[in-house]
């Protein structure tokens, strides 16, 4: 058996152990039962459990067996993939630790991987947001995931993708989720989701796009951005397991993405308008070295922010809102 096949087999067995622990809940499961299910010795089960612990999964010992720690919230690809629907139906890979899930998917995109690939991690050491800002979360506290897309749109239209993603994330998180242009998702006045889209395109077509999504689930990290206060889903009352949130995110993204490709931006724009946290607000926006002030008036069909200024309406295709008047540190 080749080394990569042995590695895949070990990974599958550890997923089986993890799935059994999830199913057993607080009662736990005996080493004997695990050994029987896996067709291996109890010593082998112990090695799998130790490997899970080294990867950051909280596994407690019980009298004759094991159970997950109270704070454990694992993502098991074999349990996620069957719940997904096209076009984003996997495969799903989940890592204990990586540098950047976007970088991982970009490498796969350049190697020819098909649309729908999903790579996530419990922790990433080099996660990043827009404008190179760091995205940091404690291991297991967040959903850190990247998705490979190959959109059949003209490059000029591809700039709308971050809006598609933001609306899809808001769909998945429920009616209280709002969007701050271009693609930060808030609950209340706190940022719970960051999105980073990267792509490769020439003048005629888009080769690939990678959508990176970071969702604060259990706790809010410190942000490398004084404009924001971070929040987390648990703080807003949601206690859904990370795997359930991930499934909802991917299916919502697949639905919005397909709708955009097939029918254009109108449905996405309408939903964005209903969740737009900046609508009618007086803001300052940074565009390169220029600061533009005006009142937000929604988006155009390319996803650009429309600002009513003293000199007329400006459409901002890049830049970011740096201040909302009367909104303190927003």
C-alpha atoms as a PDB file:
ATOM      1  CA  UNK A   1       0.000   0.000   0.000  1.00  0.00           C
ATOM      2  CA  UNK A   2       1.377   3.446  -0.968  1.00  0.00           C
ATOM      3  CA  UNK A   3       2.113   6.011   1.733  1.00  0.00           C
ATOM      4  CA  UNK A   4      -0.703   8.322   0.649  1.00  0.00           C
ATOM      5  CA  UNK A   5      -3.183   5.413   0.707  1.00  0.00           C
ATOM      6  CA  UNK A   6      -2.070   4.491   4.219  1.00  0.00           C
ATOM      7  CA  UNK A   7      -2.494   8.126   5.251  1.00  0.00           C
ATOM      8  CA  UNK A   8      -6.014   8.258   3.748  1.00  0.00           C
ATOM      9  CA  UNK A   9      -6.935   5.027   5.553  1.00  0.00           C
ATOM     10  CA  UNK A  10      -5.684   6.372   8.889  1.00  0.00           C
ATOM     11  CA  UNK A  11      -7.562   9.603   8.330  1.00  0.00           C
ATOM     12  CA  UNK A  12     -10.777   7.713   7.570  1.00  0.00           C
ATOM     13  CA  UNK A  13     -10.407   5.581  10.712  1.00  0.00           C
ATOM     14  CA  UNK A  14      -9.848   8.663  12.859  1.00  0.00           C
ATOM     15  CA  UNK A  15     -12.945  10.233  11.349  1.00  0.00           C
ATOM     16  CA  UNK A  16     -14.849   7.064  12.311  1.00  0.00           C
ATOM     17  CA  UNK A  17     -13.590   7.349  15.884  1.00  0.00           C
ATOM     18  CA  UNK A  18     -14.556  11.019  16.003  1.00  0.00           C
ATOM     19  CA  UNK A  19     -18.008  10.307  14.549  1.00  0.00           C
ATOM     20  CA  UNK A  20     -18.581   7.582  17.149  1.00  0.00           C
ATOM     21  CA  UNK A  21     -17.621   9.995  19.921  1.00  0.00           C
ATOM     22  CA  UNK A  22     -20.033  12.614  18.574  1.00  0.00           C
ATOM     23  CA  UNK A  23     -22.838  10.053  18.406  1.00  0.00           C
ATOM     24  CA  UNK A  24     -22.150   8.797  21.935  1.00  0.00           C
ATOM     25  CA  UNK A  25     -22.505  12.235  23.507  1.00  0.00           C
ATOM     26  CA  UNK A  26     -21.883  12.642  27.230  1.00  0.00           C
ATOM     27  CA  UNK A  27     -22.201   8.913  27.895  1.00  0.00           C
ATOM     28  CA  UNK A  28     -19.125   8.138  25.837  1.00  0.00           C
ATOM     29  CA  UNK A  29     -18.217   4.913  24.089  1.00  0.00           C
ATOM     30  CA  UNK A  30     -16.020   2.041  25.189  1.00  0.00           C
ATOM     31  CA  UNK A  31     -12.707   1.196  23.614  1.00  0.00           C
ATOM     32  CA  UNK A  32     -14.061  -2.290  22.968  1.00  0.00           C
ATOM     33  CA  UNK A  33     -16.986  -0.974  20.930  1.00  0.00           C
ATOM     34  CA  UNK A  34     -14.700   1.329  18.948  1.00  0.00           C
ATOM     35  CA  UNK A  35     -12.318  -1.538  18.231  1.00  0.00           C
ATOM     36  CA  UNK A  36     -15.186  -3.694  16.994  1.00  0.00           C
ATOM     37  CA  UNK A  37     -16.497  -0.958  14.679  1.00  0.00           C
ATOM     38  CA  UNK A  38     -13.072  -0.239  13.223  1.00  0.00           C
ATOM     39  CA  UNK A  39     -11.968  -3.866  13.031  1.00  0.00           C
ATOM     40  CA  UNK A  40      -8.795  -3.151  14.957  1.00  0.00           C
ATOM     41  CA  UNK A  41      -7.267  -3.652  18.378  1.00  0.00           C
ATOM     42  CA  UNK A  42      -8.013  -1.504  21.427  1.00  0.00           C
ATOM     43  CA  UNK A  43      -4.367  -0.410  21.310  1.00  0.00           C
ATOM     44  CA  UNK A  44      -4.970   0.913  17.797  1.00  0.00           C
ATOM     45  CA  UNK A  45      -8.066   2.743  19.028  1.00  0.00           C
ATOM     46  CA  UNK A  46      -5.964   4.344  21.742  1.00  0.00           C
ATOM     47  CA  UNK A  47      -3.456   5.507  19.122  1.00  0.00           C
ATOM     48  CA  UNK A  48      -6.260   7.072  17.074  1.00  0.00           C
ATOM     49  CA  UNK A  49      -7.605   8.843  20.149  1.00  0.00           C
ATOM     50  CA  UNK A  50      -4.150  10.174  20.995  1.00  0.00           C
ATOM     51  CA  UNK A  51      -3.800  11.439  17.427  1.00  0.00           C
ATOM     52  CA  UNK A  52      -7.110  13.266  17.769  1.00  0.00           C
ATOM     53  CA  UNK A  53      -5.937  14.817  21.016  1.00  0.00           C
ATOM     54  CA  UNK A  54      -2.691  15.974  19.395  1.00  0.00           C
ATOM     55  CA  UNK A  55      -4.729  17.603  16.647  1.00  0.00           C
ATOM     56  CA  UNK A  56      -6.616  19.637  19.243  1.00  0.00           C
ATOM     57  CA  UNK A  57      -9.784  17.571  19.771  1.00  0.00           C
ATOM     58  CA  UNK A  58     -10.758  17.432  23.447  1.00  0.00           C
ATOM     59  CA  UNK A  59     -11.253  13.742  24.259  1.00  0.00           C
ATOM     60  CA  UNK A  60     -11.769  12.666  27.874  1.00  0.00           C
ATOM     61  CA  UNK A  61     -11.105   9.244  29.301  1.00  0.00           C
ATOM     62  CA  UNK A  62     -13.964   7.430  31.033  1.00  0.00           C
ATOM     63  CA  UNK A  63     -14.129   4.110  32.850  1.00  0.00           C
ATOM     64  CA  UNK A  64     -13.218   1.805  29.982  1.00  0.00           C
ATOM     65  CA  UNK A  65     -13.759   4.298  27.186  1.00  0.00           C
ATOM     66  CA  UNK A  66     -13.799   7.841  25.858  1.00  0.00           C
ATOM     67  CA  UNK A  67     -16.061  10.822  25.351  1.00  0.00           C
ATOM     68  CA  UNK A  68     -15.743  14.269  23.816  1.00  0.00           C
ATOM     69  CA  UNK A  69     -15.035  17.175  26.146  1.00  0.00           C
ATOM     70  CA  UNK A  70     -17.899  19.549  26.831  1.00  0.00           C
ATOM     71  CA  UNK A  71     -16.374  22.247  24.619  1.00  0.00           C
ATOM     72  CA  UNK A  72     -15.545  20.018  21.650  1.00  0.00           C
ATOM     73  CA  UNK A  73     -17.291  20.976  18.400  1.00  0.00           C
ATOM     74  CA  UNK A  74     -15.664  18.925  15.639  1.00  0.00           C
ATOM     75  CA  UNK A  75     -16.286  19.116  11.905  1.00  0.00           C
ATOM     76  CA  UNK A  76     -16.325  15.666  10.288  1.00  0.00           C
ATOM     77  CA  UNK A  77     -16.125  15.770   6.461  1.00  0.00           C
ATOM     78  CA  UNK A  78     -17.856  12.389   6.079  1.00  0.00           C
ATOM     79  CA  UNK A  79     -20.841  13.815   7.961  1.00  0.00           C
ATOM     80  CA  UNK A  80     -20.841  17.147   6.087  1.00  0.00           C
ATOM     81  CA  UNK A  81     -20.437  16.057   2.455  1.00  0.00           C
ATOM     82  CA  UNK A  82     -23.654  13.984   2.156  1.00  0.00           C
ATOM     83  CA  UNK A  83     -25.681  16.998   3.292  1.00  0.00           C
ATOM     84  CA  UNK A  84     -24.378  19.283   0.533  1.00  0.00           C
ATOM     85  CA  UNK A  85     -26.025  19.896  -2.805  1.00  0.00           C
ATOM     86  CA  UNK A  86     -24.577  20.961  -6.172  1.00  0.00           C
ATOM     87  CA  UNK A  87     -22.787  23.004  -7.269  1.00  0.00           C
ATOM     88  CA  UNK A  88     -20.892  23.058  -3.958  1.00  0.00           C
ATOM     89  CA  UNK A  89     -21.034  19.383  -3.043  1.00  0.00           C
ATOM     90  CA  UNK A  90     -17.389  18.872  -2.148  1.00  0.00           C
ATOM     91  CA  UNK A  91     -15.151  17.085  -1.690  1.00  0.00           C
ATOM     92  CA  UNK A  92     -14.713  18.500   1.812  1.00  0.00           C
ATOM     93  CA  UNK A  93     -11.346  18.374   3.540  1.00  0.00           C
ATOM     94  CA  UNK A  94     -10.933  19.489   7.125  1.00  0.00           C
ATOM     95  CA  UNK A  95      -7.525  20.164   8.673  1.00  0.00           C
ATOM     96  CA  UNK A  96      -6.499  20.568  12.282  1.00  0.00           C
ATOM     97  CA  UNK A  97      -4.094  23.348  11.359  1.00  0.00           C
ATOM     98  CA  UNK A  98      -2.886  25.089   8.217  1.00  0.00           C
ATOM     99  CA  UNK A  99      -1.330  28.339   7.103  1.00  0.00           C
ATOM    100  CA  UNK A 100      -4.265  29.645   5.066  1.00  0.00           C
ATOM    101  CA  UNK A 101      -7.219  27.753   3.648  1.00  0.00           C
ATOM    102  CA  UNK A 102      -7.333  30.241   0.765  1.00  0.00           C
ATOM    103  CA  UNK A 103      -3.732  29.398  -0.098  1.00  0.00           C
ATOM    104  CA  UNK A 104      -4.551  25.687   0.096  1.00  0.00           C
ATOM    105  CA  UNK A 105      -7.463  26.029  -2.325  1.00  0.00           C
ATOM    106  CA  UNK A 106      -5.518  28.344  -4.656  1.00  0.00           C
ATOM    107  CA  UNK A 107      -2.855  25.651  -4.979  1.00  0.00           C
ATOM    108  CA  UNK A 108      -5.546  23.105  -5.842  1.00  0.00           C
ATOM    109  CA  UNK A 109      -7.140  25.509  -8.339  1.00  0.00           C
ATOM    110  CA  UNK A 110      -3.846  25.963 -10.155  1.00  0.00           C
ATOM    111  CA  UNK A 111      -3.465  22.182 -10.253  1.00  0.00           C
ATOM    112  CA  UNK A 112      -6.827  21.861 -12.019  1.00  0.00           C
ATOM    113  CA  UNK A 113      -9.189  20.902  -9.177  1.00  0.00           C
ATOM    114  CA  UNK A 114     -12.887  21.130 -10.101  1.00  0.00           C
ATOM    115  CA  UNK A 115     -15.405  23.618  -8.815  1.00  0.00           C
ATOM    116  CA  UNK A 116     -16.908  22.733  -5.449  1.00  0.00           C
ATOM    117  CA  UNK A 117     -13.751  21.787  -3.548  1.00  0.00           C
ATOM    118  CA  UNK A 118     -13.991  22.839   0.110  1.00  0.00           C
ATOM    119  CA  UNK A 119     -11.032  23.059   2.483  1.00  0.00           C
ATOM    120  CA  UNK A 120     -11.502  24.110   6.088  1.00  0.00           C
ATOM    121  CA  UNK A 121      -9.435  24.146   9.248  1.00  0.00           C
ATOM    122  CA  UNK A 122      -9.798  24.376  12.994  1.00  0.00           C
ATOM    123  CA  UNK A 123      -6.920  26.854  13.055  1.00  0.00           C
ATOM    124  CA  UNK A 124      -4.857  28.774  10.533  1.00  0.00           C
ATOM    125  CA  UNK A 125      -1.602  30.506  11.273  1.00  0.00           C
ATOM    126  CA  UNK A 126      -1.547  32.868   8.305  1.00  0.00           C
ATOM    127  CA  UNK A 127      -5.203  33.697   7.803  1.00  0.00           C
ATOM    128  CA  UNK A 128      -5.878  37.040   6.181  1.00  0.00           C
ATOM    129  CA  UNK A 129      -8.708  39.377   5.357  1.00  0.00           C
ATOM    130  CA  UNK A 130      -9.078  42.241   2.940  1.00  0.00           C
ATOM    131  CA  UNK A 131      -6.080  44.544   2.526  1.00  0.00           C
ATOM    132  CA  UNK A 132      -3.776  41.992   4.124  1.00  0.00           C
ATOM    133  CA  UNK A 133      -5.286  42.236   7.597  1.00  0.00           C
ATOM    134  CA  UNK A 134      -4.732  39.198   9.791  1.00  0.00           C
ATOM    135  CA  UNK A 135      -7.653  36.930  10.661  1.00  0.00           C
ATOM    136  CA  UNK A 136      -6.991  35.163  13.955  1.00  0.00           C
ATOM    137  CA  UNK A 137      -9.158  32.689  15.856  1.00  0.00           C
ATOM    138  CA  UNK A 138      -8.381  30.221  18.617  1.00  0.00           C
ATOM    139  CA  UNK A 139      -8.387  26.560  17.530  1.00  0.00           C
ATOM    140  CA  UNK A 140     -11.927  25.249  17.185  1.00  0.00           C
ATOM    141  CA  UNK A 141     -13.611  28.586  17.903  1.00  0.00           C
ATOM    142  CA  UNK A 142     -14.476  29.469  14.307  1.00  0.00           C
ATOM    143  CA  UNK A 143     -15.380  28.156  10.895  1.00  0.00           C
ATOM    144  CA  UNK A 144     -12.395  28.860   8.650  1.00  0.00           C
ATOM    145  CA  UNK A 145     -13.215  27.615   5.183  1.00  0.00           C
ATOM    146  CA  UNK A 146     -12.414  28.258   1.531  1.00  0.00           C
ATOM    147  CA  UNK A 147     -14.314  27.166  -1.568  1.00  0.00           C
ATOM    148  CA  UNK A 148     -13.188  26.803  -5.175  1.00  0.00           C
ATOM    149  CA  UNK A 149     -15.422  28.313  -7.857  1.00  0.00           C
ATOM    150  CA  UNK A 150     -14.996  28.518 -11.609  1.00  0.00           C
ATOM    151  CA  UNK A 151     -17.618  31.158 -12.497  1.00  0.00           C
ATOM    152  CA  UNK A 152     -18.759  31.383 -16.088  1.00  0.00           C
ATOM    153  CA  UNK A 153     -18.964  35.169 -16.127  1.00  0.00           C
ATOM    154  CA  UNK A 154     -17.037  37.951 -17.807  1.00  0.00           C
ATOM    155  CA  UNK A 155     -14.175  39.322 -15.710  1.00  0.00           C
ATOM    156  CA  UNK A 156     -15.916  42.694 -15.480  1.00  0.00           C
ATOM    157  CA  UNK A 157     -18.865  40.981 -13.767  1.00  0.00           C
ATOM    158  CA  UNK A 158     -16.730  38.869 -11.427  1.00  0.00           C
ATOM    159  CA  UNK A 159     -16.301  41.802  -9.048  1.00  0.00           C
ATOM    160  CA  UNK A 160     -19.880  41.129  -7.940  1.00  0.00           C
ATOM    161  CA  UNK A 161     -18.890  37.800  -6.383  1.00  0.00           C
ATOM    162  CA  UNK A 162     -18.116  39.218  -2.889  1.00  0.00           C
ATOM    163  CA  UNK A 163     -21.677  40.586  -2.769  1.00  0.00           C
ATOM    164  CA  UNK A 164     -23.051  37.157  -3.715  1.00  0.00           C
ATOM    165  CA  UNK A 165     -21.035  35.586  -0.913  1.00  0.00           C
ATOM    166  CA  UNK A 166     -22.072  38.163   1.682  1.00  0.00           C
ATOM    167  CA  UNK A 167     -25.749  37.700   0.884  1.00  0.00           C
ATOM    168  CA  UNK A 168     -25.383  33.910   1.005  1.00  0.00           C
ATOM    169  CA  UNK A 169     -23.709  34.076   4.422  1.00  0.00           C
ATOM    170  CA  UNK A 170     -26.465  36.343   5.702  1.00  0.00           C
ATOM    171  CA  UNK A 171     -29.055  33.884   4.350  1.00  0.00           C
ATOM    172  CA  UNK A 172     -27.386  31.101   6.332  1.00  0.00           C
ATOM    173  CA  UNK A 173     -27.140  33.083   9.572  1.00  0.00           C
ATOM    174  CA  UNK A 174     -30.746  34.220   9.643  1.00  0.00           C
ATOM    175  CA  UNK A 175     -32.849  37.388   9.636  1.00  0.00           C
ATOM    176  CA  UNK A 176     -30.711  39.311  12.142  1.00  0.00           C
ATOM    177  CA  UNK A 177     -27.620  39.221   9.913  1.00  0.00           C
ATOM    178  CA  UNK A 178     -26.807  42.476   8.134  1.00  0.00           C
ATOM    179  CA  UNK A 179     -24.154  43.368   5.582  1.00  0.00           C
ATOM    180  CA  UNK A 180     -21.662  46.195   5.621  1.00  0.00           C
ATOM    181  CA  UNK A 181     -20.307  46.818   2.122  1.00  0.00           C
ATOM    182  CA  UNK A 182     -18.581  45.145   0.526  1.00  0.00           C
ATOM    183  CA  UNK A 183     -18.802  41.865   2.382  1.00  0.00           C
ATOM    184  CA  UNK A 184     -18.614  41.993   6.169  1.00  0.00           C
ATOM    185  CA  UNK A 185     -21.531  40.368   7.970  1.00  0.00           C
ATOM    186  CA  UNK A 186     -22.761  41.781  11.275  1.00  0.00           C
ATOM    187  CA  UNK A 187     -25.149  40.680  13.955  1.00  0.00           C
ATOM    188  CA  UNK A 188     -26.169  43.704  15.938  1.00  0.00           C
ATOM    189  CA  UNK A 189     -23.225  46.071  15.698  1.00  0.00           C
ATOM    190  CA  UNK A 190     -20.586  43.326  15.851  1.00  0.00           C
ATOM    191  CA  UNK A 191     -18.667  41.730  13.023  1.00  0.00           C
ATOM    192  CA  UNK A 192     -19.120  37.968  13.079  1.00  0.00           C
ATOM    193  CA  UNK A 193     -17.989  37.084   9.548  1.00  0.00           C
ATOM    194  CA  UNK A 194     -15.155  38.177   7.309  1.00  0.00           C
ATOM    195  CA  UNK A 195     -14.926  37.283   3.627  1.00  0.00           C
ATOM    196  CA  UNK A 196     -11.974  37.320   1.248  1.00  0.00           C
ATOM    197  CA  UNK A 197     -12.392  36.546  -2.454  1.00  0.00           C
ATOM    198  CA  UNK A 198      -9.355  35.995  -4.657  1.00  0.00           C
ATOM    199  CA  UNK A 199      -9.344  35.119  -8.337  1.00  0.00           C
ATOM    200  CA  UNK A 200      -7.341  34.546 -11.479  1.00  0.00           C
ATOM    201  CA  UNK A 201      -8.638  36.038 -14.720  1.00  0.00           C
ATOM    202  CA  UNK A 202      -7.511  37.426 -18.034  1.00  0.00           C
ATOM    203  CA  UNK A 203      -9.358  39.907 -20.238  1.00  0.00           C
ATOM    204  CA  UNK A 204     -11.777  37.288 -21.501  1.00  0.00           C
ATOM    205  CA  UNK A 205     -12.542  34.784 -18.771  1.00  0.00           C
ATOM    206  CA  UNK A 206     -12.198  33.898 -15.105  1.00  0.00           C
ATOM    207  CA  UNK A 207      -9.995  30.846 -14.558  1.00  0.00           C
ATOM    208  CA  UNK A 208     -10.933  30.389 -10.910  1.00  0.00           C
ATOM    209  CA  UNK A 209     -12.168  32.192  -7.832  1.00  0.00           C
ATOM    210  CA  UNK A 210     -11.502  31.231  -4.224  1.00  0.00           C
ATOM    211  CA  UNK A 211     -13.977  32.314  -1.575  1.00  0.00           C
ATOM    212  CA  UNK A 212     -12.613  32.437   1.971  1.00  0.00           C
ATOM    213  CA  UNK A 213     -15.083  32.739   4.848  1.00  0.00           C
ATOM    214  CA  UNK A 214     -14.282  33.132   8.530  1.00  0.00           C
ATOM    215  CA  UNK A 215     -17.181  32.837  11.000  1.00  0.00           C
ATOM    216  CA  UNK A 216     -16.686  33.478  14.702  1.00  0.00           C
ATOM    217  CA  UNK A 217     -18.716  30.743  16.368  1.00  0.00           C
ATOM    218  CA  UNK A 218     -17.707  30.166  19.986  1.00  0.00           C
ATOM    219  CA  UNK A 219     -15.780  33.345  20.785  1.00  0.00           C
ATOM    220  CA  UNK A 220     -14.863  36.715  19.340  1.00  0.00           C
ATOM    221  CA  UNK A 221     -11.152  37.264  18.667  1.00  0.00           C
ATOM    222  CA  UNK A 222      -9.288  40.522  18.868  1.00  0.00           C
ATOM    223  CA  UNK A 223      -9.439  42.214  15.480  1.00  0.00           C
ATOM    224  CA  UNK A 224      -6.481  43.861  13.790  1.00  0.00           C
ATOM    225  CA  UNK A 225      -8.792  46.715  12.836  1.00  0.00           C
ATOM    226  CA  UNK A 226      -9.894  49.414  15.274  1.00  0.00           C
ATOM    227  CA  UNK A 227     -12.999  50.204  13.186  1.00  0.00           C
ATOM    228  CA  UNK A 228     -14.760  47.022  14.299  1.00  0.00           C
ATOM    229  CA  UNK A 229     -16.022  45.276  17.370  1.00  0.00           C
ATOM    230  CA  UNK A 230     -15.939  41.530  16.935  1.00  0.00           C
ATOM    231  CA  UNK A 231     -18.806  39.242  17.834  1.00  0.00           C
ATOM    232  CA  UNK A 232     -19.579  35.529  17.742  1.00  0.00           C
ATOM    233  CA  UNK A 233     -22.625  33.403  17.041  1.00  0.00           C
ATOM    234  CA  UNK A 234     -22.714  32.066  20.592  1.00  0.00           C
ATOM    235  CA  UNK A 235     -22.944  35.626  21.907  1.00  0.00           C
ATOM    236  CA  UNK A 236     -26.019  36.212  19.760  1.00  0.00           C
ATOM    237  CA  UNK A 237     -27.752  33.157  21.204  1.00  0.00           C
ATOM    238  CA  UNK A 238     -27.046  30.657  18.429  1.00  0.00           C
ATOM    239  CA  UNK A 239     -25.647  27.345  19.686  1.00  0.00           C
ATOM    240  CA  UNK A 240     -25.667  25.391  16.446  1.00  0.00           C
ATOM    241  CA  UNK A 241     -22.698  23.044  15.987  1.00  0.00           C
ATOM    242  CA  UNK A 242     -20.038  24.268  13.587  1.00  0.00           C
ATOM    243  CA  UNK A 243     -20.842  21.447  11.166  1.00  0.00           C
ATOM    244  CA  UNK A 244     -24.483  22.559  10.891  1.00  0.00           C
ATOM    245  CA  UNK A 245     -23.481  26.174  10.289  1.00  0.00           C
ATOM    246  CA  UNK A 246     -20.974  25.026   7.666  1.00  0.00           C
ATOM    247  CA  UNK A 247     -23.607  23.000   5.791  1.00  0.00           C
ATOM    248  CA  UNK A 248     -26.005  25.946   5.802  1.00  0.00           C
ATOM    249  CA  UNK A 249     -23.258  28.286   4.575  1.00  0.00           C
ATOM    250  CA  UNK A 250     -22.203  26.060   1.700  1.00  0.00           C
ATOM    251  CA  UNK A 251     -25.740  25.307   0.544  1.00  0.00           C
ATOM    252  CA  UNK A 252     -26.758  28.961   0.741  1.00  0.00           C
ATOM    253  CA  UNK A 253     -23.639  29.952  -1.195  1.00  0.00           C
ATOM    254  CA  UNK A 254     -24.336  27.315  -3.837  1.00  0.00           C
ATOM    255  CA  UNK A 255     -27.905  28.564  -4.260  1.00  0.00           C
ATOM    256  CA  UNK A 256     -26.966  32.251  -4.514  1.00  0.00           C
ATOM    257  CA  UNK A 257     -24.000  31.506  -6.782  1.00  0.00           C
ATOM    258  CA  UNK A 258     -26.107  29.416  -9.181  1.00  0.00           C
ATOM    259  CA  UNK A 259     -28.821  32.042  -9.246  1.00  0.00           C
ATOM    260  CA  UNK A 260     -26.316  34.775 -10.067  1.00  0.00           C
ATOM    261  CA  UNK A 261     -24.680  32.757 -12.855  1.00  0.00           C
ATOM    262  CA  UNK A 262     -28.006  31.796 -14.409  1.00  0.00           C
ATOM    263  CA  UNK A 263     -30.133  34.911 -13.901  1.00  0.00           C
ATOM    264  CA  UNK A 264     -27.851  37.830 -13.097  1.00  0.00           C
ATOM    265  CA  UNK A 265     -27.550  40.040 -10.005  1.00  0.00           C
ATOM    266  CA  UNK A 266     -31.117  41.246  -9.430  1.00  0.00           C
ATOM    267  CA  UNK A 267     -32.145  38.747  -6.729  1.00  0.00           C
ATOM    268  CA  UNK A 268     -28.881  39.237  -4.854  1.00  0.00           C
ATOM    269  CA  UNK A 269     -29.195  43.014  -5.048  1.00  0.00           C
ATOM    270  CA  UNK A 270     -32.732  42.897  -3.696  1.00  0.00           C
ATOM    271  CA  UNK A 271     -31.668  40.782  -0.706  1.00  0.00           C
ATOM    272  CA  UNK A 272     -28.608  42.960  -0.100  1.00  0.00           C
ATOM    273  CA  UNK A 273     -30.836  46.050  -0.005  1.00  0.00           C
ATOM    274  CA  UNK A 274     -32.909  44.483   2.761  1.00  0.00           C
ATOM    275  CA  UNK A 275     -29.806  43.760   4.846  1.00  0.00           C
ATOM    276  CA  UNK A 276     -27.731  46.840   3.998  1.00  0.00           C
ATOM    277  CA  UNK A 277     -26.421  48.313   7.259  1.00  0.00           C
ATOM    278  CA  UNK A 278     -25.146  51.419   5.480  1.00  0.00           C
ATOM    279  CA  UNK A 279     -28.278  52.421   3.563  1.00  0.00           C
ATOM    280  CA  UNK A 280     -28.981  56.113   4.091  1.00  0.00           C
ATOM    281  CA  UNK A 281     -25.971  56.544   6.366  1.00  0.00           C
ATOM    282  CA  UNK A 282     -23.438  59.356   5.977  1.00  0.00           C
ATOM    283  CA  UNK A 283     -20.000  57.761   5.657  1.00  0.00           C
ATOM    284  CA  UNK A 284     -16.372  58.344   4.854  1.00  0.00           C
ATOM    285  CA  UNK A 285     -14.765  55.924   2.422  1.00  0.00           C
ATOM    286  CA  UNK A 286     -11.101  55.427   1.651  1.00  0.00           C
ATOM    287  CA  UNK A 287     -10.351  54.965  -2.054  1.00  0.00           C
ATOM    288  CA  UNK A 288      -6.606  54.797  -2.516  1.00  0.00           C
ATOM    289  CA  UNK A 289      -5.243  58.023  -1.096  1.00  0.00           C
ATOM    290  CA  UNK A 290      -8.596  59.794  -1.439  1.00  0.00           C
ATOM    291  CA  UNK A 291     -11.278  60.103   1.246  1.00  0.00           C
ATOM    292  CA  UNK A 292     -14.792  60.338  -0.161  1.00  0.00           C
ATOM    293  CA  UNK A 293     -17.758  61.432   1.960  1.00  0.00           C
ATOM    294  CA  UNK A 294     -21.400  61.007   1.149  1.00  0.00           C
ATOM    295  CA  UNK A 295     -24.668  59.237   1.843  1.00  0.00           C
ATOM    296  CA  UNK A 296     -24.910  55.547   0.950  1.00  0.00           C
ATOM    297  CA  UNK A 297     -27.512  54.858  -1.718  1.00  0.00           C
ATOM    298  CA  UNK A 298     -27.203  51.130  -2.295  1.00  0.00           C
ATOM    299  CA  UNK A 299     -25.315  49.269  -5.004  1.00  0.00           C
ATOM    300  CA  UNK A 300     -25.226  49.248  -8.769  1.00  0.00           C
ATOM    301  CA  UNK A 301     -25.375  46.069 -10.880  1.00  0.00           C
ATOM    302  CA  UNK A 302     -21.606  45.597 -10.605  1.00  0.00           C
ATOM    303  CA  UNK A 303     -21.735  45.619  -6.815  1.00  0.00           C
ATOM    304  CA  UNK A 304     -20.245  49.087  -6.511  1.00  0.00           C
ATOM    305  CA  UNK A 305     -21.259  51.258  -3.556  1.00  0.00           C
ATOM    306  CA  UNK A 306     -23.216  54.327  -4.619  1.00  0.00           C
ATOM    307  CA  UNK A 307     -22.402  57.459  -2.632  1.00  0.00           C
ATOM    308  CA  UNK A 308     -24.369  60.677  -2.999  1.00  0.00           C
ATOM    309  CA  UNK A 309     -21.737  63.366  -2.577  1.00  0.00           C
ATOM    310  CA  UNK A 310     -21.819  67.147  -2.875  1.00  0.00           C
ATOM    311  CA  UNK A 311     -20.465  66.712  -6.413  1.00  0.00           C
ATOM    312  CA  UNK A 312     -22.962  64.051  -7.501  1.00  0.00           C
ATOM    313  CA  UNK A 313     -23.230  60.288  -7.165  1.00  0.00           C
ATOM    314  CA  UNK A 314     -20.025  58.252  -7.121  1.00  0.00           C
ATOM    315  CA  UNK A 315     -19.805  54.512  -7.714  1.00  0.00           C
ATOM    316  CA  UNK A 316     -17.035  52.936  -5.623  1.00  0.00           C
ATOM    317  CA  UNK A 317     -15.766  49.642  -6.969  1.00  0.00           C
ATOM    318  CA  UNK A 318     -12.906  49.416  -4.516  1.00  0.00           C
ATOM    319  CA  UNK A 319     -11.908  50.911  -1.200  1.00  0.00           C
ATOM    320  CA  UNK A 320     -13.673  50.581   2.117  1.00  0.00           C
ATOM    321  CA  UNK A 321     -15.892  52.516   4.467  1.00  0.00           C
ATOM    322  CA  UNK A 322     -13.700  53.831   7.250  1.00  0.00           C
ATOM    323  CA  UNK A 323     -16.224  55.794   9.268  1.00  0.00           C
ATOM    324  CA  UNK A 324     -19.979  55.937   9.705  1.00  0.00           C
ATOM    325  CA  UNK A 325     -20.977  59.366  10.979  1.00  0.00           C
ATOM    326  CA  UNK A 326     -22.432  59.166  14.453  1.00  0.00           C
ATOM    327  CA  UNK A 327     -21.433  55.505  14.726  1.00  0.00           C
ATOM    328  CA  UNK A 328     -18.398  55.958  16.947  1.00  0.00           C
ATOM    329  CA  UNK A 329     -15.774  53.428  16.018  1.00  0.00           C
ATOM    330  CA  UNK A 330     -17.696  51.754  13.158  1.00  0.00           C
END
